[in-house]
Amino acid sequence: MYVLIGGAGLIGRTLAQRLVKLGHTVAIIDIDPIACAYARERLGVMAFEGSAVSTDTLSEAGIHKADIVCAALRYDALNLAIVSLARHYKVPHIISRLRHRDFEHPLRHAGAHRIISTVNLAVSTMVNAAEYPQVESIMHFEEGQIEVLKLSISEDCTFAKHRLADIAKDPRFPPSSLIIGYQAYPHKNLVIPNGDTVLEPNSKVLVVTKPETLHEIIDLLQPNVDLNILVSSTDHQ
């Protein structure tokens, strides 16, 4: 896909780098010539020097053929302008960065299909790290109705050395939960398990569960974990 990014700041550059690695064609617009040169030379993307809210610059960058426009400028008002212009040019998918929540409804009304709050995202990640230090990562879906977490199988886990088919039948395992990913060793790829997959100690799993059974799942898969040791080891990584 052809992705056009407004803004070559840290978020814009990092986004471009990730998208290029995924095989997309990427172009960046920014008024800073140094940022544009960096994007061309270091990231291998097209970079157009000029205002991302200028119709001339947008046309030069190929907004007419863009599959996705990402508004990643520092100021919400400028991102709002990019979203409006992208909608005018009938871009199929429009994504915008959000700094202040007062702009969320204007951005949505202007045509943004996805709005990413950088502040909320950072705060949510830190809250999760504080609330669930045993969990490597956690994601919320459908406004928190579904949780997906990644965590290790401890040595003391009741289900270690057991097949997933047997675990699913165990009355202690919450029926609203499902193990959807399995990583046997740290450097192994994450795979989709089946009923015959055996959970080895110190392996990692992806679990889908409901908020009300989140702590239950953590206690089942990581019983008797010393949080002081866990936090200390994380600090030294």
Protein backbone atom coordinates (compact mmCIF):
# COMPACT_ATOMS: atom_id res chain seq x y z
CA MET A 1 0.00 0.00 0.00
CA TYR A 2 0.99 3.60 -0.51
CA VAL A 3 1.10 5.38 2.86
CA LEU A 4 1.45 9.14 3.14
CA ILE A 5 2.60 10.49 6.52
CA GLY A 6 2.23 14.12 7.56
CA GLY A 7 5.13 14.94 9.88
CA ALA A 8 8.72 13.68 10.08
CA GLY A 9 9.07 13.97 13.85
CA LEU A 10 9.89 11.03 16.08
CA ILE A 11 6.47 9.41 15.66
CA GLY A 12 6.35 10.00 11.91
CA ARG A 13 9.86 8.67 11.35
CA THR A 14 9.35 5.62 13.55
CA LEU A 15 6.03 4.88 11.85
CA ALA A 16 7.64 5.17 8.42
CA GLN A 17 10.47 2.84 9.40
CA ARG A 18 8.05 0.18 10.65
CA LEU A 19 5.83 0.43 7.58
CA VAL A 20 8.79 0.11 5.20
CA LYS A 21 9.86 -3.08 7.00
CA LEU A 22 6.34 -4.41 6.44
CA GLY A 23 6.76 -3.85 2.70
CA HIS A 24 4.69 -0.70 2.19
CA THR A 25 5.60 2.26 0.00
CA VAL A 26 5.94 5.30 2.26
CA ALA A 27 6.19 9.03 1.72
CA ILE A 28 6.65 11.73 4.37
CA ILE A 29 5.81 15.44 4.22
CA ASP A 30 7.56 17.93 6.52
CA ILE A 31 8.63 21.57 6.41
CA ASP A 32 12.04 20.73 7.90
CA PRO A 33 14.62 20.02 5.16
CA ILE A 34 16.93 18.23 7.60
CA ALA A 35 14.13 15.87 8.67
CA CYS A 36 13.29 15.18 5.03
CA ALA A 37 16.93 14.44 4.20
CA TYR A 38 17.13 12.05 7.14
CA ALA A 39 13.98 10.26 6.00
CA ARG A 40 15.38 9.78 2.49
CA GLU A 41 18.92 8.78 3.46
CA ARG A 42 18.35 6.79 6.64
CA LEU A 43 14.84 5.39 6.26
CA GLY A 44 14.72 4.89 2.50
CA VAL A 45 11.37 6.63 2.06
CA MET A 46 10.23 9.44 -0.20
CA ALA A 47 10.19 12.80 1.55
CA PHE A 48 8.57 16.01 0.32
CA GLU A 49 9.66 19.31 1.81
CA GLY A 50 6.71 21.58 2.46
CA SER A 51 3.57 21.98 4.51
CA ALA A 52 1.51 18.85 5.05
CA VAL A 53 -1.63 21.00 4.88
CA SER A 54 -0.72 22.51 1.51
CA THR A 55 -2.78 21.14 -1.38
CA ASP A 56 0.19 21.66 -3.72
CA THR A 57 2.52 19.64 -1.49
CA LEU A 58 -0.08 16.94 -0.94
CA SER A 59 -0.65 16.64 -4.68
CA GLU A 60 3.10 16.45 -5.30
CA ALA A 61 3.37 13.68 -2.69
CA GLY A 62 0.63 11.72 -4.43
CA ILE A 63 -2.34 12.00 -2.11
CA HIS A 64 -4.60 11.11 -5.04
CA LYS A 65 -3.16 7.58 -5.06
CA ALA A 66 -2.63 7.16 -1.31
CA ASP A 67 -4.26 4.15 0.33
CA ILE A 68 -3.63 5.52 3.82
CA VAL A 69 -2.89 8.98 5.22
CA CYS A 70 -1.39 9.28 8.71
CA ALA A 71 -1.56 12.68 10.38
CA ALA A 72 1.39 12.66 12.78
CA LEU A 73 2.17 16.33 13.33
CA ARG A 74 2.78 17.83 16.77
CA TYR A 75 -0.32 20.04 16.81
CA ASP A 76 -3.86 18.69 16.77
CA ALA A 77 -5.16 21.60 14.69
CA LEU A 78 -2.74 20.75 11.88
CA ASN A 79 -3.64 17.08 12.07
CA LEU A 80 -7.29 18.10 11.84
CA ALA A 81 -6.49 19.98 8.62
CA ILE A 82 -4.67 16.95 7.16
CA VAL A 83 -7.63 14.70 8.00
CA SER A 84 -10.06 17.12 6.33
CA LEU A 85 -7.94 17.31 3.19
CA ALA A 86 -7.47 13.54 3.08
CA ARG A 87 -11.22 13.11 3.25
CA HIS A 88 -11.62 15.68 0.46
CA TYR A 89 -9.26 13.62 -1.70
CA LYS A 90 -11.24 10.47 -0.82
CA VAL A 91 -8.34 8.62 0.82
CA PRO A 92 -9.71 5.17 1.83
CA HIS A 93 -8.22 5.09 5.32
CA ILE A 94 -7.25 8.07 7.48
CA ILE A 95 -5.36 7.80 10.79
CA SER A 96 -4.59 10.69 13.12
CA ARG A 97 -2.44 11.27 16.16
CA LEU A 98 -4.22 12.96 19.07
CA ARG A 99 -2.59 14.98 21.86
CA HIS A 100 -5.55 16.74 23.49
CA ARG A 101 -8.89 14.95 23.84
CA ASP A 102 -10.82 18.12 22.94
CA PHE A 103 -9.88 17.38 19.33
CA GLU A 104 -11.17 13.80 19.30
CA HIS A 105 -14.69 14.60 18.12
CA PRO A 106 -13.56 17.21 15.55
CA LEU A 107 -11.07 14.70 14.13
CA ARG A 108 -13.73 12.02 13.91
CA HIS A 109 -16.22 14.44 12.36
CA ALA A 110 -13.57 15.53 9.84
CA GLY A 111 -13.18 11.94 8.65
CA ALA A 112 -10.51 10.19 10.72
CA HIS A 113 -11.15 6.44 10.74
CA ARG A 114 -8.70 5.79 13.58
CA ILE A 115 -7.54 8.23 16.26
CA ILE A 116 -4.51 7.33 18.35
CA SER A 117 -4.07 9.24 21.61
CA THR A 118 -0.34 9.23 22.36
CA VAL A 119 -0.94 10.37 25.95
CA ASN A 120 -3.62 7.78 26.70
CA LEU A 121 -1.54 5.05 25.10
CA ALA A 122 1.52 5.88 27.23
CA VAL A 123 -0.49 6.21 30.44
CA SER A 124 -2.39 2.98 29.80
CA THR A 125 0.86 1.09 29.21
CA MET A 126 2.37 2.41 32.44
CA VAL A 127 -0.78 1.62 34.44
CA ASN A 128 -0.74 -1.95 33.11
CA ALA A 129 2.93 -2.31 34.02
CA ALA A 130 2.21 -1.14 37.56
CA GLU A 131 -1.00 -3.13 38.03
CA TYR A 132 0.20 -6.39 36.43
CA PRO A 133 4.01 -6.59 36.81
CA GLN A 134 3.91 -10.34 36.07
CA VAL A 135 2.44 -9.70 32.61
CA GLU A 136 4.86 -9.01 29.76
CA SER A 137 2.26 -7.12 27.73
CA ILE A 138 -1.47 -6.56 27.77
CA MET A 139 -3.94 -5.14 25.26
CA HIS A 140 -7.55 -4.06 25.72
CA PHE A 141 -10.19 -4.55 23.04
CA GLU A 142 -13.76 -3.34 22.68
CA GLU A 143 -13.31 -0.68 25.37
CA GLY A 144 -11.90 -3.17 27.84
CA GLN A 145 -14.45 -5.94 27.30
CA ILE A 146 -11.69 -8.31 26.13
CA GLU A 147 -8.10 -8.58 27.42
CA VAL A 148 -5.18 -10.19 25.59
CA LEU A 149 -2.10 -10.77 27.73
CA LYS A 150 1.32 -12.33 27.27
CA LEU A 151 2.95 -14.00 30.27
CA SER A 152 5.32 -16.80 31.22
CA ILE A 153 4.40 -20.24 32.54
CA SER A 154 6.09 -20.49 35.93
CA GLU A 155 7.82 -23.59 37.28
CA ASP A 156 5.05 -23.95 39.88
CA CYS A 157 2.20 -23.65 37.38
CA THR A 158 -0.37 -26.41 37.84
CA PHE A 159 -0.79 -26.66 34.08
CA ALA A 160 2.92 -27.01 33.23
CA LYS A 161 3.57 -30.20 31.23
CA HIS A 162 -0.14 -30.44 30.38
CA ARG A 163 -1.82 -30.42 26.96
CA LEU A 164 -4.05 -27.49 26.05
CA ALA A 165 -6.94 -29.88 25.41
CA ASP A 166 -6.71 -31.12 28.99
CA ILE A 167 -6.29 -27.61 30.38
CA ALA A 168 -9.44 -26.44 28.59
CA LYS A 169 -11.42 -29.21 30.34
CA ASP A 170 -10.03 -28.39 33.77
CA PRO A 171 -12.72 -26.66 35.91
CA ARG A 172 -10.06 -24.36 37.39
CA PHE A 173 -9.37 -22.80 33.99
CA PRO A 174 -11.92 -20.01 33.34
CA PRO A 175 -14.30 -21.03 30.52
CA SER A 176 -14.25 -17.47 29.16
CA SER A 177 -10.48 -17.74 28.51
CA LEU A 178 -8.50 -19.15 25.60
CA ILE A 179 -4.76 -19.67 24.95
CA ILE A 180 -4.22 -18.41 21.40
CA GLY A 181 -0.41 -18.17 21.16
CA TYR A 182 2.57 -20.19 22.37
CA GLN A 183 6.30 -19.46 22.47
CA ALA A 184 8.33 -22.43 23.70
CA TYR A 185 11.62 -20.55 24.11
CA PRO A 186 12.57 -16.84 24.12
CA HIS A 187 14.09 -16.93 20.64
CA LYS A 188 11.45 -19.17 19.08
CA ASN A 189 8.62 -17.79 16.97
CA LEU A 190 5.20 -17.33 18.50
CA VAL A 191 2.91 -20.04 17.07
CA ILE A 192 -0.80 -20.79 17.15
CA PRO A 193 -1.17 -23.83 19.40
CA ASN A 194 -3.56 -26.75 19.12
CA GLY A 195 -5.03 -29.20 21.60
CA ASP A 196 -1.89 -31.33 21.65
CA THR A 197 0.44 -28.42 22.49
CA VAL A 198 2.12 -29.00 25.85
CA LEU A 199 2.86 -25.99 28.06
CA GLU A 200 6.49 -26.19 29.13
CA PRO A 201 7.77 -24.33 32.22
CA ASN A 202 9.22 -20.89 31.34
CA SER A 203 7.45 -20.87 27.98
CA LYS A 204 5.20 -17.91 27.12
CA VAL A 205 1.56 -17.81 26.14
CA LEU A 206 -0.94 -15.36 24.71
CA VAL A 207 -4.26 -15.59 26.54
CA VAL A 208 -7.61 -14.04 25.68
CA THR A 209 -9.80 -13.50 28.72
CA LYS A 210 -12.45 -11.25 30.26
CA PRO A 211 -11.52 -8.47 32.71
CA GLU A 212 -13.20 -10.26 35.61
CA THR A 213 -11.00 -13.36 35.16
CA LEU A 214 -7.73 -11.54 34.49
CA HIS A 215 -6.28 -11.97 37.98
CA GLU A 216 -7.51 -15.57 38.07
CA ILE A 217 -5.58 -16.38 34.88
CA ILE A 218 -2.43 -14.71 36.18
CA ASP A 219 -2.61 -16.61 39.47
CA LEU A 220 -3.15 -19.92 37.64
CA LEU A 221 -0.26 -19.55 35.22
CA GLN A 222 2.15 -17.71 37.52
CA PRO A 223 1.46 -18.87 41.08
CA ASN A 224 3.81 -17.83 43.88
CA VAL A 225 5.79 -15.39 41.72
CA ASP A 226 7.97 -13.10 43.83
CA LEU A 227 7.11 -9.65 42.45
CA ASN A 228 10.19 -8.06 44.06
CA ILE A 229 12.46 -10.43 42.16
CA LEU A 230 10.42 -9.91 38.99
CA VAL A 231 10.62 -6.13 39.13
CA SER A 232 14.33 -6.25 40.00
CA SER A 233 15.12 -8.50 37.05
CA THR A 234 13.11 -6.24 34.74
CA ASP A 235 15.10 -3.19 35.89
CA HIS A 236 18.35 -4.85 34.82
CA GLN A 237 17.20 -5.86 31.34
